[in-house]
N, C-alpha and C. Protein backbone atom coordinates (compact mmCIF):
# COMPACT_ATOMS: atom_id res chain seq x y z
N MET A 1 36.52 25.81 -26.65
CA MET A 1 35.90 24.54 -26.95
C MET A 1 36.06 24.23 -28.43
N GLU A 2 36.16 22.98 -28.73
CA GLU A 2 36.18 22.51 -30.10
C GLU A 2 35.17 21.38 -30.24
N VAL A 3 34.70 21.20 -31.44
CA VAL A 3 33.84 20.06 -31.76
C VAL A 3 34.40 19.39 -33.00
N THR A 4 34.17 18.11 -33.12
CA THR A 4 34.61 17.36 -34.28
C THR A 4 33.50 17.34 -35.31
N LEU A 5 33.82 17.74 -36.51
CA LEU A 5 32.89 17.63 -37.63
C LEU A 5 33.34 16.46 -38.49
N THR A 6 32.44 15.55 -38.76
CA THR A 6 32.73 14.45 -39.68
C THR A 6 31.56 14.30 -40.63
N CYS A 7 31.86 13.69 -41.74
CA CYS A 7 30.88 13.50 -42.80
C CYS A 7 30.95 12.03 -43.20
N GLN A 8 29.83 11.37 -43.32
CA GLN A 8 29.85 9.95 -43.66
C GLN A 8 28.84 9.67 -44.76
N SER A 9 29.25 8.85 -45.72
CA SER A 9 28.36 8.46 -46.81
C SER A 9 28.77 7.09 -47.33
N LYS A 10 27.78 6.21 -47.45
CA LYS A 10 27.99 4.87 -47.99
C LYS A 10 29.19 4.15 -47.36
N GLY A 11 29.28 4.25 -46.04
CA GLY A 11 30.32 3.54 -45.31
C GLY A 11 31.68 4.22 -45.27
N THR A 12 31.84 5.33 -45.96
CA THR A 12 33.12 6.05 -45.94
C THR A 12 33.01 7.23 -44.99
N LYS A 13 33.98 7.33 -44.08
CA LYS A 13 34.01 8.43 -43.12
C LYS A 13 34.98 9.48 -43.64
N TYR A 14 34.46 10.68 -43.88
CA TYR A 14 35.27 11.81 -44.32
C TYR A 14 35.55 12.67 -43.09
N ASN A 15 36.80 12.72 -42.69
CA ASN A 15 37.12 13.34 -41.40
C ASN A 15 38.05 14.54 -41.50
N LEU A 16 38.47 14.93 -42.69
CA LEU A 16 39.36 16.08 -42.84
C LEU A 16 38.62 17.20 -43.57
N VAL A 17 38.35 18.27 -42.86
CA VAL A 17 37.68 19.42 -43.49
C VAL A 17 38.68 20.10 -44.42
N GLN A 18 38.27 20.28 -45.66
CA GLN A 18 39.11 20.94 -46.66
C GLN A 18 38.70 22.39 -46.89
N SER A 19 37.41 22.65 -46.76
CA SER A 19 36.87 23.99 -46.95
C SER A 19 35.53 24.07 -46.24
N VAL A 20 35.22 25.24 -45.70
CA VAL A 20 33.97 25.40 -44.97
C VAL A 20 33.45 26.83 -45.15
N ASP A 21 32.12 26.96 -45.16
CA ASP A 21 31.52 28.27 -45.26
C ASP A 21 30.17 28.25 -44.56
N VAL A 22 29.75 29.39 -44.07
CA VAL A 22 28.43 29.54 -43.47
C VAL A 22 27.58 30.29 -44.48
N VAL A 23 26.45 29.70 -44.85
CA VAL A 23 25.62 30.28 -45.91
C VAL A 23 24.15 30.30 -45.52
N GLN A 24 23.41 31.12 -46.22
CA GLN A 24 21.96 31.19 -46.07
C GLN A 24 21.35 30.22 -47.08
N PRO A 25 20.64 29.18 -46.62
CA PRO A 25 20.03 28.25 -47.57
C PRO A 25 18.86 28.89 -48.29
N ASP A 26 18.58 28.40 -49.49
CA ASP A 26 17.39 28.89 -50.17
C ASP A 26 16.15 28.36 -49.43
N ARG A 27 15.01 28.87 -49.79
CA ARG A 27 13.78 28.53 -49.07
C ARG A 27 13.48 27.03 -49.08
N GLN A 28 13.69 26.39 -50.23
CA GLN A 28 13.39 24.96 -50.35
C GLN A 28 14.28 24.13 -49.43
N LEU A 29 15.58 24.42 -49.39
CA LEU A 29 16.48 23.68 -48.52
C LEU A 29 16.17 23.98 -47.05
N ALA A 30 15.90 25.23 -46.73
CA ALA A 30 15.55 25.59 -45.35
C ALA A 30 14.31 24.83 -44.90
N ASP A 31 13.33 24.71 -45.77
CA ASP A 31 12.12 23.94 -45.43
C ASP A 31 12.45 22.47 -45.20
N ARG A 32 13.30 21.89 -46.06
CA ARG A 32 13.68 20.47 -45.90
C ARG A 32 14.43 20.22 -44.60
N LEU A 33 15.23 21.21 -44.18
CA LEU A 33 16.01 21.08 -42.95
C LEU A 33 15.24 21.57 -41.72
N LYS A 34 14.00 22.01 -41.93
CA LYS A 34 13.14 22.51 -40.85
C LYS A 34 13.78 23.70 -40.14
N LEU A 35 14.33 24.62 -40.93
CA LEU A 35 14.94 25.83 -40.39
C LEU A 35 14.02 27.02 -40.59
N THR A 36 14.17 28.00 -39.73
CA THR A 36 13.44 29.24 -39.94
C THR A 36 14.11 30.02 -41.07
N ARG A 37 13.47 31.02 -41.53
CA ARG A 37 13.94 31.78 -42.70
C ARG A 37 15.34 32.37 -42.51
N ASN A 38 15.70 32.78 -41.29
CA ASN A 38 16.97 33.46 -41.06
C ASN A 38 18.11 32.56 -40.60
N GLU A 39 17.83 31.28 -40.34
CA GLU A 39 18.90 30.39 -39.87
C GLU A 39 19.83 30.01 -41.00
N LYS A 40 21.12 29.96 -40.67
CA LYS A 40 22.14 29.63 -41.67
C LYS A 40 22.60 28.19 -41.48
N ILE A 41 23.35 27.71 -42.46
CA ILE A 41 23.92 26.36 -42.40
C ILE A 41 25.42 26.43 -42.63
N VAL A 42 26.10 25.42 -42.14
CA VAL A 42 27.53 25.25 -42.38
C VAL A 42 27.66 24.23 -43.51
N VAL A 43 28.35 24.61 -44.57
CA VAL A 43 28.61 23.71 -45.69
C VAL A 43 30.10 23.40 -45.66
N ALA A 44 30.45 22.13 -45.59
CA ALA A 44 31.85 21.74 -45.48
C ALA A 44 32.21 20.66 -46.49
N ALA A 45 33.35 20.86 -47.14
CA ALA A 45 33.91 19.85 -48.04
C ALA A 45 34.94 19.06 -47.24
N PHE A 46 34.83 17.75 -47.31
CA PHE A 46 35.68 16.85 -46.53
C PHE A 46 36.48 15.93 -47.44
N ALA A 47 37.58 15.43 -46.92
CA ALA A 47 38.32 14.35 -47.54
C ALA A 47 38.45 13.24 -46.50
N ALA A 48 38.58 12.02 -46.97
CA ALA A 48 38.87 10.91 -46.07
C ALA A 48 40.37 10.88 -45.86
N SER A 49 40.79 10.55 -44.65
CA SER A 49 42.23 10.52 -44.37
C SER A 49 42.83 9.15 -44.68
N GLU A 50 44.11 9.17 -44.99
CA GLU A 50 44.88 7.94 -45.13
C GLU A 50 45.09 7.39 -43.73
N SER A 51 44.63 6.20 -43.47
CA SER A 51 44.68 5.54 -42.15
C SER A 51 44.29 6.51 -41.05
N ARG A 52 45.18 6.78 -40.09
CA ARG A 52 44.84 7.66 -38.97
C ARG A 52 45.55 9.00 -39.06
N GLY A 53 46.15 9.32 -40.16
CA GLY A 53 46.89 10.56 -40.29
C GLY A 53 46.06 11.71 -40.82
N ASP A 54 46.78 12.75 -41.22
CA ASP A 54 46.09 13.93 -41.73
C ASP A 54 46.30 14.11 -43.24
N GLN A 55 46.78 13.06 -43.90
CA GLN A 55 46.95 13.11 -45.35
C GLN A 55 45.64 12.68 -46.02
N PRO A 56 45.08 13.53 -46.90
CA PRO A 56 43.80 13.18 -47.51
C PRO A 56 43.91 12.17 -48.63
N LYS A 57 42.91 11.32 -48.74
CA LYS A 57 42.76 10.44 -49.89
C LYS A 57 42.14 11.25 -51.02
N ALA A 58 42.01 10.64 -52.17
CA ALA A 58 41.42 11.33 -53.32
C ALA A 58 39.91 11.49 -53.20
N SER A 59 39.25 10.66 -52.38
CA SER A 59 37.79 10.74 -52.26
C SER A 59 37.39 11.93 -51.39
N CYS A 60 36.20 12.47 -51.68
CA CYS A 60 35.74 13.62 -50.91
C CYS A 60 34.23 13.55 -50.71
N GLY A 61 33.73 14.36 -49.79
CA GLY A 61 32.31 14.43 -49.51
C GLY A 61 31.93 15.86 -49.15
N LEU A 62 30.67 16.18 -49.30
CA LEU A 62 30.14 17.49 -48.96
C LEU A 62 28.99 17.28 -47.97
N CYS A 63 29.06 17.95 -46.82
CA CYS A 63 28.02 17.80 -45.81
C CYS A 63 27.53 19.15 -45.34
N LEU A 64 26.27 19.16 -44.90
CA LEU A 64 25.63 20.36 -44.36
C LEU A 64 25.36 20.14 -42.89
N PHE A 65 25.55 21.19 -42.11
CA PHE A 65 25.24 21.16 -40.68
C PHE A 65 24.41 22.39 -40.37
N THR A 66 23.33 22.22 -39.64
CA THR A 66 22.54 23.38 -39.26
C THR A 66 23.24 24.09 -38.10
N MET A 67 23.08 25.39 -38.03
CA MET A 67 23.69 26.15 -36.94
C MET A 67 23.14 25.70 -35.58
N PRO A 68 21.84 25.40 -35.46
CA PRO A 68 21.37 24.88 -34.17
C PRO A 68 22.10 23.59 -33.76
N ASP A 69 22.40 22.70 -34.71
CA ASP A 69 23.14 21.47 -34.39
C ASP A 69 24.57 21.78 -33.96
N VAL A 70 25.21 22.73 -34.63
CA VAL A 70 26.58 23.12 -34.27
C VAL A 70 26.58 23.73 -32.87
N LYS A 71 25.64 24.62 -32.62
CA LYS A 71 25.52 25.25 -31.30
C LYS A 71 25.30 24.19 -30.22
N ASP A 72 24.41 23.24 -30.47
CA ASP A 72 24.14 22.16 -29.51
C ASP A 72 25.40 21.35 -29.21
N ALA A 73 26.21 21.07 -30.24
CA ALA A 73 27.45 20.31 -30.04
C ALA A 73 28.41 21.07 -29.13
N PHE A 74 28.55 22.38 -29.34
CA PHE A 74 29.41 23.18 -28.47
C PHE A 74 28.86 23.21 -27.05
N GLU A 75 27.56 23.35 -26.91
CA GLU A 75 26.96 23.38 -25.57
C GLU A 75 27.14 22.06 -24.83
N ARG A 76 27.02 20.93 -25.55
CA ARG A 76 27.24 19.62 -24.92
C ARG A 76 28.69 19.50 -24.45
N ASN A 77 29.64 19.93 -25.27
CA ASN A 77 31.05 19.88 -24.86
C ASN A 77 31.30 20.74 -23.63
N ALA A 78 30.74 21.95 -23.61
CA ALA A 78 30.91 22.83 -22.45
C ALA A 78 30.29 22.21 -21.21
N GLN A 79 29.10 21.64 -21.36
CA GLN A 79 28.43 21.02 -20.22
C GLN A 79 29.25 19.85 -19.68
N MET A 80 29.79 19.01 -20.56
CA MET A 80 30.63 17.89 -20.11
C MET A 80 31.87 18.40 -19.41
N CYS A 81 32.43 19.48 -19.90
CA CYS A 81 33.62 20.05 -19.29
C CYS A 81 33.32 20.52 -17.86
N PHE A 82 32.26 21.28 -17.71
CA PHE A 82 31.94 21.84 -16.40
C PHE A 82 31.34 20.83 -15.44
N SER A 83 30.82 19.73 -15.94
CA SER A 83 30.27 18.72 -15.03
C SER A 83 31.31 17.66 -14.69
N ALA A 84 32.56 17.88 -15.09
CA ALA A 84 33.70 17.01 -14.77
C ALA A 84 33.66 15.67 -15.49
N ASN A 85 32.86 15.53 -16.53
CA ASN A 85 32.88 14.31 -17.32
C ASN A 85 33.99 14.32 -18.36
N ARG A 86 34.69 15.42 -18.45
CA ARG A 86 35.77 15.54 -19.42
C ARG A 86 36.93 16.26 -18.73
N PRO A 87 38.14 15.70 -18.76
CA PRO A 87 39.26 16.32 -18.07
C PRO A 87 39.83 17.56 -18.77
N ASN A 88 39.62 17.68 -20.08
CA ASN A 88 40.15 18.84 -20.79
C ASN A 88 39.12 19.34 -21.79
N ARG A 89 39.38 20.49 -22.36
CA ARG A 89 38.39 21.11 -23.23
C ARG A 89 38.72 21.03 -24.70
N GLY A 90 39.74 20.28 -25.06
CA GLY A 90 40.14 20.25 -26.45
C GLY A 90 40.09 18.88 -27.06
N LEU A 91 40.52 18.83 -28.28
CA LEU A 91 40.63 17.58 -29.01
C LEU A 91 42.09 17.18 -29.01
N GLY A 92 42.39 15.96 -28.65
CA GLY A 92 43.75 15.52 -28.46
C GLY A 92 44.66 15.68 -29.66
N PHE A 93 44.11 15.67 -30.86
CA PHE A 93 44.95 15.75 -32.04
C PHE A 93 45.21 17.18 -32.50
N ILE A 94 44.70 18.18 -31.80
CA ILE A 94 44.97 19.57 -32.13
C ILE A 94 46.03 20.08 -31.16
N ALA A 95 47.13 20.60 -31.69
CA ALA A 95 48.22 21.08 -30.85
C ALA A 95 47.72 22.16 -29.89
N GLY A 96 48.02 21.99 -28.62
CA GLY A 96 47.66 22.99 -27.63
C GLY A 96 46.20 22.94 -27.20
N ALA A 97 45.46 21.95 -27.65
CA ALA A 97 44.04 21.92 -27.34
C ALA A 97 43.71 21.20 -26.04
N ASN A 98 44.66 20.53 -25.44
CA ASN A 98 44.36 19.76 -24.23
C ASN A 98 44.49 20.59 -22.96
N LEU A 99 43.92 21.76 -22.97
CA LEU A 99 43.91 22.61 -21.79
C LEU A 99 42.87 22.10 -20.81
N ALA A 100 43.18 22.25 -19.54
CA ALA A 100 42.25 21.80 -18.52
C ALA A 100 40.97 22.62 -18.57
N CYS A 101 39.87 21.96 -18.23
CA CYS A 101 38.61 22.69 -18.13
C CYS A 101 38.75 23.72 -17.01
N PRO A 102 38.21 24.92 -17.20
CA PRO A 102 38.36 25.95 -16.16
C PRO A 102 37.55 25.59 -14.92
N LYS A 103 38.04 26.05 -13.78
CA LYS A 103 37.30 25.88 -12.53
C LYS A 103 36.13 26.84 -12.53
N VAL A 104 35.00 26.37 -12.04
CA VAL A 104 33.81 27.22 -11.98
C VAL A 104 33.94 28.15 -10.79
N THR A 105 33.77 29.43 -11.03
CA THR A 105 33.80 30.44 -9.96
C THR A 105 32.43 31.08 -9.91
N TYR A 106 31.89 31.15 -8.72
CA TYR A 106 30.59 31.75 -8.53
C TYR A 106 30.75 33.16 -7.98
N LEU A 107 30.00 34.07 -8.53
CA LEU A 107 30.00 35.45 -8.04
C LEU A 107 28.79 35.66 -7.17
N ASN A 108 28.98 36.28 -6.03
CA ASN A 108 27.86 36.55 -5.12
C ASN A 108 27.50 38.02 -5.17
């Protein structure tokens, strides 16, 4: 499964991840994000793309994602895949990502 991460600020959509890391927020940031003491966040630096391609513009943005939000996004994608609301499990612009959703097999 894949999920799309995007970052938006003041009307500009930053859609190309340039760098990403998973970090432990300090107590103040964790409190602001309503996270428990041990939950981590994803910090990603983004660039805006030139038109619809993968060439970055000079502008950039920095966004934070909580791990519970990332987990929820993956779970929603998996649920859509298995409930037949999505024909494939990938993102069309990633090479080799348009694999069919697997058939559900039940074990008795």
